[in-house]
């Protein structure tokens, strides 16, 4: 699969997951949103500042969704 989209801080954050749907669209999912509603599930990109940012490659592609 292709590279992650340019998403600012998210591309280097351990909490980011790349989600692809069956039509080929790519989304950046913030895994922090699953435990803390203060974080948007799919943040508006590019993310330039984030209190929850933690360095690390979090890009684990999930299976395509419909």
C-alpha atoms as a PDB file:
ATOM      1  CA  UNK A   1       0.000   0.000   0.000  1.00  0.00           C
ATOM      2  CA  UNK A   2       1.073   3.601  -0.523  1.00  0.00           C
ATOM      3  CA  UNK A   3       2.662   6.052   1.853  1.00  0.00           C
ATOM      4  CA  UNK A   4       0.744   7.985   4.496  1.00  0.00           C
ATOM      5  CA  UNK A   5      -0.708  11.329   3.447  1.00  0.00           C
ATOM      6  CA  UNK A   6       0.987  14.557   4.616  1.00  0.00           C
ATOM      7  CA  UNK A   7      -0.793  15.003   7.937  1.00  0.00           C
ATOM      8  CA  UNK A   8       1.552  17.237   9.902  1.00  0.00           C
ATOM      9  CA  UNK A   9       2.401  15.909  13.354  1.00  0.00           C
ATOM     10  CA  UNK A  10       0.244  12.820  12.935  1.00  0.00           C
ATOM     11  CA  UNK A  11       2.644  11.203  10.481  1.00  0.00           C
ATOM     12  CA  UNK A  12       5.273  11.011  13.261  1.00  0.00           C
ATOM     13  CA  UNK A  13       2.892  10.245  16.171  1.00  0.00           C
ATOM     14  CA  UNK A  14       2.654   6.814  17.753  1.00  0.00           C
ATOM     15  CA  UNK A  15      -1.129   7.239  18.133  1.00  0.00           C
ATOM     16  CA  UNK A  16      -1.831   7.623  14.408  1.00  0.00           C
ATOM     17  CA  UNK A  17      -3.326   4.801  12.373  1.00  0.00           C
ATOM     18  CA  UNK A  18      -3.821   5.006   8.628  1.00  0.00           C
ATOM     19  CA  UNK A  19      -7.244   3.784   7.527  1.00  0.00           C
ATOM     20  CA  UNK A  20      -8.022   3.019   3.896  1.00  0.00           C
ATOM     21  CA  UNK A  21     -11.497   2.399   2.542  1.00  0.00           C
ATOM     22  CA  UNK A  22     -12.499   0.209  -0.372  1.00  0.00           C
ATOM     23  CA  UNK A  23     -12.709   3.225  -2.700  1.00  0.00           C
ATOM     24  CA  UNK A  24      -9.047   4.092  -2.150  1.00  0.00           C
ATOM     25  CA  UNK A  25      -9.457   7.011   0.256  1.00  0.00           C
ATOM     26  CA  UNK A  26      -6.909   7.316   3.070  1.00  0.00           C
ATOM     27  CA  UNK A  27      -7.688   8.711   6.526  1.00  0.00           C
ATOM     28  CA  UNK A  28      -5.592   9.471   9.597  1.00  0.00           C
ATOM     29  CA  UNK A  29      -7.220   7.971  12.716  1.00  0.00           C
ATOM     30  CA  UNK A  30      -6.168   9.266  16.136  1.00  0.00           C
ATOM     31  CA  UNK A  31      -6.134   6.269  18.494  1.00  0.00           C
ATOM     32  CA  UNK A  32      -6.172   8.624  21.519  1.00  0.00           C
ATOM     33  CA  UNK A  33      -9.792   9.384  20.618  1.00  0.00           C
ATOM     34  CA  UNK A  34     -10.789   5.876  21.722  1.00  0.00           C
ATOM     35  CA  UNK A  35      -9.940   6.665  25.358  1.00  0.00           C
ATOM     36  CA  UNK A  36     -10.200  10.467  25.499  1.00  0.00           C
ATOM     37  CA  UNK A  37     -13.055  12.311  23.755  1.00  0.00           C
ATOM     38  CA  UNK A  38     -10.980  15.516  23.791  1.00  0.00           C
ATOM     39  CA  UNK A  39      -9.135  14.130  20.735  1.00  0.00           C
ATOM     40  CA  UNK A  40     -11.006  14.021  17.428  1.00  0.00           C
ATOM     41  CA  UNK A  41     -11.242  10.583  15.844  1.00  0.00           C
ATOM     42  CA  UNK A  42     -10.273  11.939  12.422  1.00  0.00           C
ATOM     43  CA  UNK A  43      -8.514  15.281  13.034  1.00  0.00           C
ATOM     44  CA  UNK A  44      -8.618  18.103  10.510  1.00  0.00           C
ATOM     45  CA  UNK A  45      -5.355  17.957   8.586  1.00  0.00           C
ATOM     46  CA  UNK A  46      -2.650  19.022   8.721  1.00  0.00           C
ATOM     47  CA  UNK A  47      -2.282  18.873  12.499  1.00  0.00           C
ATOM     48  CA  UNK A  48       0.325  21.471  13.518  1.00  0.00           C
ATOM     49  CA  UNK A  49      -0.002  21.312  17.322  1.00  0.00           C
ATOM     50  CA  UNK A  50      -1.300  18.540  19.583  1.00  0.00           C
ATOM     51  CA  UNK A  51      -0.987  18.094  23.363  1.00  0.00           C
ATOM     52  CA  UNK A  52      -1.206  14.320  22.929  1.00  0.00           C
ATOM     53  CA  UNK A  53       1.631  14.018  20.403  1.00  0.00           C
ATOM     54  CA  UNK A  54       4.165  11.289  21.205  1.00  0.00           C
ATOM     55  CA  UNK A  55       7.070  10.616  18.873  1.00  0.00           C
ATOM     56  CA  UNK A  56       6.974   7.282  17.107  1.00  0.00           C
ATOM     57  CA  UNK A  57       5.731   5.796  13.864  1.00  0.00           C
ATOM     58  CA  UNK A  58       2.161   4.798  14.592  1.00  0.00           C
ATOM     59  CA  UNK A  59       1.140   4.107  11.008  1.00  0.00           C
ATOM     60  CA  UNK A  60      -0.430   0.673  11.083  1.00  0.00           C
ATOM     61  CA  UNK A  61      -2.793   0.370   8.179  1.00  0.00           C
ATOM     62  CA  UNK A  62      -6.175  -1.072   9.021  1.00  0.00           C
ATOM     63  CA  UNK A  63      -8.190  -3.168   6.627  1.00  0.00           C
ATOM     64  CA  UNK A  64     -10.295  -1.243   4.098  1.00  0.00           C
ATOM     65  CA  UNK A  65     -13.697  -0.180   5.361  1.00  0.00           C
ATOM     66  CA  UNK A  66     -16.794   0.359   3.281  1.00  0.00           C
END
